[in-house]
Amino acid sequence: MWAALAFAVLVVAVLVAAALLVPWARPPAPRSDQVAALGELPPDRVARGKALHAELRPASYGSLVLGLVVALALGLTPLGAALVTLAGRPFGGHWVARAVLGGLLVVLVAEVLVLPLAAWRHTILVRYGLSTQTWGAWAVDVLKAFAVGAVIASVALLGFYTITRLSPRWWWAWGAAGAAALVVLLSFVLPVLVEPVFNTFTPMAAGPLRDRLVALAERDGVPVRDVLVADASRRTRAVNAYVSGLGPTRRIVVYDTLLREATDDEVESVVAHELGHAKDSDVRTGTLLTALGAAAAVCGLYVLGAWTGLLRRAGADSFADPRAVALLVAVVTVAGLVSMPVQNLVSRRVEARADRHALDLTGDPAAFESMEKRLALVNLSDVDPDRVEHVLFATHPSTVERIAAARAYARGAR
């Protein structure tokens, strides 16, 4: 009863926080301006971007479907419980081994089965000239990603099953608090500890551009620790920049590819957009929503544990039983897919606000439009995607929407 009440309260808290903190108002992006912008882009580059995404679609959708099928096959049959038992057998079936190693084995099986689709996607990106990675470098990044995920998953699993053993009746409360705390902790440590695993960062050389970016941040009231250049070119030809970290760890990060491809005005416009995320505390908002959602998920698991038939199907007695790890993964996978369109809607609204921030901060719609065209053409974006696909999967407004919003801004539609 108390877990169900806590679940309901936390769900309401997520909805209230989203209603108050997410910028639901959408900047004007007239379709006539979108059509005009589309007509001004090089037709061959637009067609190449659409062709790339058409070729990527089967691998991307296939990964989602296959990942879901594997998760359900392991979670809704005794097969997942058998894998957990197998992982714990060399350690005498100790609960720590079953919980942590069993959980990692379940995830590893899913990762391995989906890996051929990821490799297929890599071959397409290489063929279109967007990826610069050899197979060896690609494999190293895959292993790094799994290692980072394994560390985070191990901490989460160990903490979860420790709590369930220490407090069998109230683990939902302690687990909810722990899940929320872990989300907050990761928002601080991931930029500092994980980003260097995948890229090398060097301070941007002193000069006019660095001075402009530092002055831009100061004018925006967003203190940054440093301006760094990431060696993205060893992985991709795509261009980008971002503001990483919170408080004393915050810094501007610019891809080396962006410095090669874009003008200083365009770089400044990209950074102004990213500063908008920091100015409007988008990371804190995302952390809060995710922490509340994680806490609600733990309470929901406890409530779902009353469904004894589901647990028996998974070969477990309760969610506190390590043999239920695969079922837990299946529930998380389904929840993630169901919530994806809503998460993407929130992301698009947040990105649109950051676009508006860039326009306000720089006062240069022309540079913003030039930057959007640069990003789209170099990154081979689908500049005007199918509307249904865009609603379901896009995390940013489309290129033509962003250009149209900039033109509306320039006309004074603010």
Protein backbone atom coordinates (compact mmCIF):
# COMPACT_ATOMS: atom_id res chain seq x y z
CA MET A 1 0.00 0.00 0.00
CA TRP A 2 2.68 2.51 1.02
CA ALA A 3 4.80 1.64 -2.03
CA ALA A 4 1.81 2.15 -4.33
CA LEU A 5 1.10 5.51 -2.70
CA ALA A 6 4.75 6.54 -3.05
CA PHE A 7 4.69 5.47 -6.71
CA ALA A 8 1.63 7.62 -7.38
CA VAL A 9 3.09 10.61 -5.56
CA LEU A 10 6.38 10.35 -7.47
CA VAL A 11 4.61 10.06 -10.82
CA VAL A 12 2.62 13.21 -9.99
CA ALA A 13 5.88 14.90 -8.95
CA VAL A 14 7.42 14.06 -12.33
CA LEU A 15 4.41 15.49 -14.14
CA VAL A 16 4.35 18.66 -12.04
CA ALA A 17 8.12 19.18 -12.43
CA ALA A 18 7.85 18.66 -16.20
CA ALA A 19 4.92 21.06 -16.44
CA LEU A 20 6.79 23.76 -14.53
CA LEU A 21 10.35 23.32 -15.81
CA VAL A 22 10.05 22.18 -19.43
CA PRO A 23 9.61 25.02 -21.96
CA TRP A 24 6.46 23.77 -23.65
CA ALA A 25 5.97 26.97 -25.69
CA ARG A 26 7.34 26.45 -29.17
CA PRO A 27 9.14 29.20 -31.16
CA PRO A 28 7.41 30.06 -34.44
CA ALA A 29 8.72 28.06 -37.39
CA PRO A 30 6.39 28.82 -40.34
CA ARG A 31 6.14 26.01 -42.85
CA SER A 32 6.61 28.51 -45.67
CA ASP A 33 10.04 29.37 -44.24
CA GLN A 34 10.83 25.68 -43.87
CA VAL A 35 10.02 25.07 -47.54
CA ALA A 36 12.10 28.08 -48.57
CA ALA A 37 15.06 26.89 -46.48
CA LEU A 38 14.81 23.40 -47.97
CA GLY A 39 14.91 24.88 -51.48
CA GLU A 40 18.10 26.81 -50.68
CA LEU A 41 20.07 23.78 -49.54
CA PRO A 42 22.13 21.88 -52.15
CA PRO A 43 19.74 19.22 -53.52
CA ASP A 44 22.49 16.62 -53.87
CA ARG A 45 23.57 17.03 -50.22
CA VAL A 46 19.96 16.90 -49.03
CA ALA A 47 19.42 13.73 -51.05
CA ARG A 48 22.63 12.21 -49.69
CA GLY A 49 21.52 12.91 -46.11
CA LYS A 50 18.14 11.29 -46.74
CA ALA A 51 19.82 8.30 -48.39
CA LEU A 52 22.11 7.84 -45.41
CA HIS A 53 19.24 7.83 -42.94
CA ALA A 54 17.23 5.48 -45.14
CA GLU A 55 20.12 3.02 -45.07
CA LEU A 56 20.61 3.42 -41.32
CA ARG A 57 16.92 2.91 -40.55
CA PRO A 58 16.81 -0.91 -40.76
CA ALA A 59 19.81 -1.27 -38.44
CA SER A 60 18.50 1.33 -35.98
CA TYR A 61 14.97 -0.06 -35.84
CA GLY A 62 16.30 -3.59 -35.90
CA SER A 63 18.42 -2.88 -32.81
CA LEU A 64 15.38 -1.57 -30.95
CA VAL A 65 13.24 -4.55 -31.89
CA LEU A 66 15.92 -7.16 -31.32
CA GLY A 67 16.89 -5.61 -27.99
CA LEU A 68 13.26 -5.73 -26.88
CA VAL A 69 12.81 -9.33 -28.05
CA VAL A 70 15.95 -10.50 -26.26
CA ALA A 71 15.00 -8.67 -23.07
CA LEU A 72 11.53 -10.22 -23.08
CA ALA A 73 12.86 -13.67 -23.95
CA LEU A 74 15.27 -13.58 -21.02
CA GLY A 75 12.95 -11.81 -18.61
CA LEU A 76 9.70 -13.67 -19.23
CA THR A 77 11.13 -17.17 -19.30
CA PRO A 78 13.35 -19.16 -16.89
CA LEU A 79 16.25 -18.62 -19.31
CA GLY A 80 17.30 -15.37 -17.62
CA ALA A 81 17.17 -16.99 -14.17
CA ALA A 82 19.27 -19.86 -15.51
CA LEU A 83 21.95 -17.42 -16.71
CA VAL A 84 22.00 -15.74 -13.30
CA THR A 85 22.35 -19.11 -11.56
CA LEU A 86 25.14 -20.09 -13.96
CA ALA A 87 27.06 -16.88 -13.26
CA GLY A 88 26.90 -17.49 -9.51
CA ARG A 89 27.81 -21.18 -9.59
CA PRO A 90 31.64 -20.74 -9.55
CA PHE A 91 31.19 -18.66 -6.38
CA GLY A 92 29.01 -21.14 -4.55
CA GLY A 93 25.84 -19.39 -5.64
CA HIS A 94 26.57 -16.39 -3.42
CA TRP A 95 23.95 -13.70 -3.83
CA VAL A 96 26.51 -11.01 -4.76
CA ALA A 97 27.83 -13.11 -7.62
CA ARG A 98 24.34 -13.92 -8.85
CA ALA A 99 23.16 -10.32 -8.58
CA VAL A 100 26.17 -8.59 -10.13
CA LEU A 101 27.74 -11.17 -12.44
CA GLY A 102 24.35 -12.60 -13.35
CA GLY A 103 23.04 -9.17 -14.22
CA LEU A 104 26.11 -8.38 -16.32
CA LEU A 105 25.79 -11.72 -18.12
CA VAL A 106 22.17 -10.97 -19.00
CA VAL A 107 23.16 -7.56 -20.37
CA LEU A 108 26.16 -9.03 -22.21
CA VAL A 109 23.98 -11.57 -24.00
CA ALA A 110 21.72 -8.80 -25.24
CA GLU A 111 24.68 -6.63 -26.28
CA VAL A 112 26.34 -9.46 -28.22
CA LEU A 113 23.16 -10.36 -30.08
CA VAL A 114 22.60 -6.75 -31.13
CA LEU A 115 26.28 -6.18 -32.00
CA PRO A 116 26.00 -7.29 -35.69
CA LEU A 117 23.43 -4.55 -36.28
CA ALA A 118 25.77 -1.99 -34.70
CA ALA A 119 28.56 -3.25 -36.98
CA TRP A 120 26.25 -2.93 -39.99
CA ARG A 121 25.54 0.66 -38.97
CA HIS A 122 29.28 1.34 -38.75
CA THR A 123 29.87 0.05 -42.29
CA ILE A 124 27.21 2.46 -43.59
CA LEU A 125 28.72 5.43 -41.78
CA VAL A 126 32.16 4.56 -43.15
CA ARG A 127 30.83 4.21 -46.68
CA TYR A 128 29.22 7.65 -46.49
CA GLY A 129 32.46 9.12 -45.14
CA LEU A 130 30.97 10.18 -41.80
CA SER A 131 32.93 7.73 -39.63
CA THR A 132 36.74 7.83 -39.64
CA GLN A 133 37.18 4.80 -37.38
CA THR A 134 38.92 1.58 -38.35
CA TRP A 135 37.34 -1.67 -37.19
CA GLY A 136 39.93 -1.88 -34.43
CA ALA A 137 39.15 1.60 -33.11
CA TRP A 138 35.43 0.90 -33.37
CA ALA A 139 35.81 -2.35 -31.41
CA VAL A 140 37.81 -0.56 -28.70
CA ASP A 141 35.03 2.02 -28.31
CA VAL A 142 32.44 -0.76 -28.07
CA LEU A 143 34.46 -2.42 -25.30
CA LYS A 144 34.92 0.91 -23.51
CA ALA A 145 31.19 1.59 -23.63
CA PHE A 146 30.39 -1.85 -22.23
CA ALA A 147 33.02 -1.43 -19.50
CA VAL A 148 31.58 1.93 -18.41
CA GLY A 149 28.07 0.52 -18.47
CA ALA A 150 29.21 -2.55 -16.54
CA VAL A 151 30.68 -0.42 -13.76
CA ILE A 152 27.49 1.64 -13.41
CA ALA A 153 25.27 -1.45 -13.60
CA SER A 154 27.40 -3.28 -11.01
CA VAL A 155 27.06 -0.41 -8.54
CA ALA A 156 23.31 -0.22 -9.13
CA LEU A 157 22.76 -3.98 -8.85
CA LEU A 158 24.93 -4.38 -5.77
CA GLY A 159 23.19 -1.49 -4.07
CA PHE A 160 19.72 -2.70 -5.01
CA TYR A 161 20.17 -6.27 -3.83
CA THR A 162 22.00 -5.21 -0.68
CA ILE A 163 19.02 -3.06 0.26
CA THR A 164 16.52 -5.81 -0.52
CA ARG A 165 18.39 -8.17 1.83
CA LEU A 166 18.78 -5.66 4.65
CA SER A 167 15.20 -4.38 4.48
CA PRO A 168 12.89 -6.97 2.89
CA ARG A 169 9.70 -5.02 3.61
CA TRP A 170 10.90 -1.47 3.02
CA TRP A 171 13.47 -1.91 0.27
CA TRP A 172 11.29 0.09 -2.09
CA ALA A 173 11.75 3.22 0.05
CA TRP A 174 15.51 2.86 0.50
CA GLY A 175 15.90 1.74 -3.09
CA ALA A 176 13.98 4.75 -4.39
CA ALA A 177 16.20 7.10 -2.41
CA GLY A 178 19.32 5.26 -3.58
CA ALA A 179 18.25 5.33 -7.24
CA ALA A 180 17.60 9.07 -7.09
CA ALA A 181 20.95 9.66 -5.37
CA LEU A 182 22.79 7.59 -7.98
CA VAL A 183 21.26 9.65 -10.80
CA VAL A 184 22.39 12.88 -9.14
CA LEU A 185 25.89 11.50 -8.50
CA LEU A 186 26.28 10.36 -12.11
CA SER A 187 25.28 13.79 -13.42
CA PHE A 188 28.35 15.19 -11.63
CA VAL A 189 30.92 12.45 -12.21
CA LEU A 190 30.17 11.26 -15.74
CA PRO A 191 31.51 14.38 -17.50
CA VAL A 192 34.70 14.28 -15.43
CA LEU A 193 35.38 10.53 -15.40
CA VAL A 194 33.72 9.10 -18.51
CA GLU A 195 34.24 11.68 -21.26
CA PRO A 196 38.07 11.29 -21.14
CA VAL A 197 37.62 7.54 -21.72
CA PHE A 198 36.40 8.23 -25.26
CA ASN A 199 38.15 11.47 -26.21
CA THR A 200 41.32 13.41 -25.51
CA PHE A 201 40.74 17.03 -24.50
CA THR A 202 43.28 19.80 -24.92
CA PRO A 203 42.94 23.47 -23.98
CA MET A 204 42.03 25.63 -26.94
CA ALA A 205 45.01 27.71 -28.06
CA ALA A 206 45.01 31.31 -26.94
CA GLY A 207 43.67 33.54 -29.64
CA PRO A 208 40.68 35.57 -30.88
CA LEU A 209 38.24 32.64 -30.98
CA ARG A 210 38.99 31.49 -27.44
CA ASP A 211 38.69 35.07 -26.23
CA ARG A 212 35.31 35.39 -27.97
CA LEU A 213 33.98 32.19 -26.41
CA VAL A 214 35.15 33.13 -22.90
CA ALA A 215 33.65 36.62 -23.31
CA LEU A 216 30.42 35.05 -24.59
CA ALA A 217 30.14 32.89 -21.47
CA GLU A 218 30.91 35.84 -19.21
CA ARG A 219 28.31 37.99 -20.96
CA ASP A 220 25.81 35.20 -20.51
CA GLY A 221 26.56 34.88 -16.80
CA VAL A 222 27.66 31.25 -17.19
CA PRO A 223 31.11 30.79 -15.62
CA VAL A 224 33.25 28.15 -17.33
CA ARG A 225 36.44 26.57 -16.09
CA ASP A 226 38.09 26.22 -19.51
CA VAL A 227 37.60 25.97 -23.27
CA LEU A 228 38.67 22.56 -24.55
CA VAL A 229 39.06 20.93 -27.95
CA ALA A 230 38.01 17.28 -28.32
CA ASP A 231 39.78 15.04 -30.82
CA ALA A 232 36.49 13.99 -32.41
CA SER A 233 38.17 13.61 -35.82
CA ARG A 234 39.64 10.26 -34.79
CA ARG A 235 36.08 8.95 -34.72
CA THR A 236 33.95 11.07 -37.03
CA ARG A 237 33.79 13.92 -39.52
CA ALA A 238 30.67 15.26 -37.83
CA VAL A 239 30.87 18.71 -36.21
CA ASN A 240 29.54 19.75 -32.83
CA ALA A 241 30.25 21.49 -29.52
CA TYR A 242 28.81 21.27 -26.03
CA VAL A 243 29.04 22.65 -22.51
CA SER A 244 29.91 19.90 -20.06
CA GLY A 245 29.86 19.61 -16.29
CA LEU A 246 28.16 21.41 -13.44
CA GLY A 247 29.44 24.26 -11.28
CA PRO A 248 33.24 24.11 -10.91
CA THR A 249 33.56 21.34 -13.52
CA ARG A 250 31.77 23.25 -16.30
CA ARG A 251 33.70 23.81 -19.51
CA ILE A 252 33.08 24.55 -23.16
CA VAL A 253 34.07 21.65 -25.43
CA VAL A 254 34.48 22.17 -29.18
CA TYR A 255 35.06 19.37 -31.67
CA ASP A 256 38.27 19.77 -33.65
CA THR A 257 36.17 19.02 -36.75
CA LEU A 258 34.02 22.08 -36.05
CA LEU A 259 37.12 24.29 -35.89
CA ARG A 260 38.17 22.99 -39.31
CA GLU A 261 34.79 23.31 -41.01
CA ALA A 262 33.08 26.36 -39.52
CA THR A 263 33.68 30.09 -39.34
CA ASP A 264 34.29 31.76 -35.99
CA ASP A 265 30.78 33.27 -36.09
CA GLU A 266 29.29 29.81 -36.58
CA VAL A 267 31.35 28.33 -33.75
CA GLU A 268 30.19 31.16 -31.51
CA SER A 269 26.57 30.45 -32.45
CA VAL A 270 26.91 26.75 -31.62
CA VAL A 271 28.50 27.56 -28.27
CA ALA A 272 25.80 30.15 -27.53
CA HIS A 273 23.20 27.39 -28.01
CA GLU A 274 25.09 25.12 -25.61
CA LEU A 275 25.48 27.91 -23.07
CA GLY A 276 21.70 28.19 -23.20
CA HIS A 277 21.42 24.71 -21.70
CA ALA A 278 23.64 25.79 -18.82
CA LYS A 279 21.93 29.17 -18.39
CA ASP A 280 18.50 27.55 -18.16
CA SER A 281 19.77 24.70 -15.95
CA ASP A 282 18.67 22.04 -18.42
CA VAL A 283 21.08 19.50 -16.93
CA ARG A 284 19.63 20.10 -13.47
CA THR A 285 16.10 19.80 -14.84
CA GLY A 286 16.96 16.56 -16.62
CA THR A 287 18.66 15.25 -13.50
CA LEU A 288 15.64 16.09 -11.34
CA LEU A 289 13.16 14.47 -13.73
CA THR A 290 15.36 11.39 -14.12
CA ALA A 291 15.92 11.08 -10.37
CA LEU A 292 12.18 11.30 -9.66
CA GLY A 293 11.51 8.81 -12.45
CA ALA A 294 14.12 6.39 -11.12
CA ALA A 295 12.63 6.60 -7.63
CA ALA A 296 9.15 5.99 -9.05
CA ALA A 297 10.47 3.01 -11.03
CA VAL A 298 11.80 1.32 -7.87
CA CYS A 299 8.45 1.80 -6.12
CA GLY A 300 6.72 0.49 -9.23
CA LEU A 301 8.88 -2.63 -9.17
CA TYR A 302 7.79 -3.34 -5.62
CA VAL A 303 4.14 -2.97 -6.64
CA LEU A 304 4.70 -5.14 -9.72
CA GLY A 305 6.17 -7.77 -7.40
CA ALA A 306 2.63 -8.58 -6.28
CA TRP A 307 2.14 -10.14 -9.73
CA THR A 308 3.31 -13.58 -8.65
CA GLY A 309 2.46 -15.17 -11.99
CA LEU A 310 4.90 -12.86 -13.75
CA LEU A 311 7.65 -13.73 -11.29
CA ARG A 312 7.00 -17.45 -11.59
CA ARG A 313 7.25 -17.12 -15.36
CA ALA A 314 10.69 -15.55 -14.84
CA GLY A 315 11.75 -18.33 -12.46
CA ALA A 316 12.00 -16.05 -9.41
CA ASP A 317 10.18 -15.64 -6.10
CA SER A 318 10.30 -11.82 -5.94
CA PHE A 319 12.22 -8.87 -7.32
CA ALA A 320 14.46 -9.20 -4.26
CA ASP A 321 15.58 -12.57 -5.69
CA PRO A 322 18.69 -12.13 -7.91
CA ARG A 323 17.13 -14.58 -10.36
CA ALA A 324 14.72 -11.75 -11.24
CA VAL A 325 17.52 -9.63 -12.75
CA ALA A 326 16.49 -10.50 -16.31
CA LEU A 327 12.87 -9.60 -15.57
CA LEU A 328 14.06 -6.30 -14.10
CA VAL A 329 16.02 -5.60 -17.31
CA ALA A 330 12.96 -6.47 -19.39
CA VAL A 331 10.75 -4.08 -17.39
CA VAL A 332 13.30 -1.28 -17.75
CA THR A 333 13.61 -1.93 -21.51
CA VAL A 334 9.85 -1.80 -22.07
CA ALA A 335 9.49 1.32 -19.92
CA GLY A 336 12.29 3.02 -21.85
CA LEU A 337 10.71 2.31 -25.23
CA VAL A 338 7.25 3.39 -24.12
CA SER A 339 8.53 6.64 -22.64
CA MET A 340 10.90 7.43 -25.53
CA PRO A 341 8.48 9.64 -27.54
CA VAL A 342 7.70 11.71 -24.44
CA GLN A 343 11.39 12.06 -23.56
CA ASN A 344 12.13 13.12 -27.14
CA LEU A 345 9.30 15.69 -27.07
CA VAL A 346 10.81 17.20 -23.92
CA SER A 347 14.23 17.20 -25.56
CA ARG A 348 12.95 19.00 -28.67
CA ARG A 349 11.34 21.72 -26.58
CA VAL A 350 14.53 22.18 -24.55
CA GLU A 351 16.65 22.35 -27.71
CA ALA A 352 14.29 24.91 -29.26
CA ARG A 353 14.68 27.11 -26.17
CA ALA A 354 18.47 26.80 -26.44
CA ASP A 355 18.20 27.92 -30.08
CA ARG A 356 16.27 30.98 -28.99
CA HIS A 357 18.90 31.64 -26.33
CA ALA A 358 21.64 31.55 -28.98
CA LEU A 359 19.76 34.09 -31.06
CA ASP A 360 19.24 36.39 -28.07
CA LEU A 361 22.84 36.08 -26.90
CA THR A 362 24.57 36.62 -30.25
CA GLY A 363 21.95 38.81 -31.92
CA ASP A 364 23.05 37.21 -35.20
CA PRO A 365 20.30 35.17 -36.93
CA ALA A 366 22.38 35.01 -40.10
CA ALA A 367 25.23 33.22 -38.32
CA PHE A 368 22.73 30.91 -36.63
CA GLU A 369 21.19 29.98 -39.98
CA SER A 370 24.61 29.49 -41.55
CA MET A 371 25.60 27.30 -38.60
CA GLU A 372 22.47 25.13 -38.96
CA LYS A 373 23.16 24.63 -42.64
CA ARG A 374 26.78 23.75 -41.87
CA LEU A 375 25.79 21.21 -39.22
CA ALA A 376 23.20 19.61 -41.47
CA LEU A 377 25.39 19.32 -44.54
CA VAL A 378 28.58 18.16 -42.83
CA ASN A 379 26.74 15.76 -40.50
CA LEU A 380 24.55 14.47 -43.37
CA SER A 381 21.36 15.15 -41.43
CA ASP A 382 17.89 14.43 -42.76
CA VAL A 383 16.95 18.11 -42.92
CA ASP A 384 13.19 17.57 -43.35
CA PRO A 385 12.35 14.11 -41.96
CA ASP A 386 9.10 12.18 -42.04
CA ARG A 387 6.77 13.70 -39.45
CA VAL A 388 5.83 10.46 -37.70
CA GLU A 389 9.46 9.38 -37.42
CA HIS A 390 10.39 12.86 -36.23
CA VAL A 391 7.76 12.84 -33.48
CA LEU A 392 8.74 9.37 -32.27
CA PHE A 393 12.53 9.50 -32.43
CA ALA A 394 13.93 13.02 -32.96
CA THR A 395 15.67 14.70 -30.02
CA HIS A 396 16.09 18.05 -31.84
CA PRO A 397 13.90 20.18 -34.09
CA SER A 398 14.62 19.47 -37.74
CA THR A 399 17.10 21.64 -39.62
CA VAL A 400 14.41 23.42 -41.64
CA GLU A 401 12.40 24.06 -38.45
CA ARG A 402 15.42 25.64 -36.79
CA ILE A 403 16.19 27.82 -39.81
CA ALA A 404 12.53 28.86 -40.04
CA ALA A 405 12.51 29.79 -36.34
CA ALA A 406 15.63 31.92 -36.87
CA ARG A 407 14.00 33.72 -39.81
CA ALA A 408 10.84 34.36 -37.77
CA TYR A 409 13.07 35.74 -35.01
CA ALA A 410 14.86 38.02 -37.47
CA ARG A 411 11.48 39.40 -38.61
CA GLY A 412 10.66 40.25 -35.02
CA ALA A 413 8.31 37.31 -34.28
CA ARG A 414 9.78 36.93 -30.76
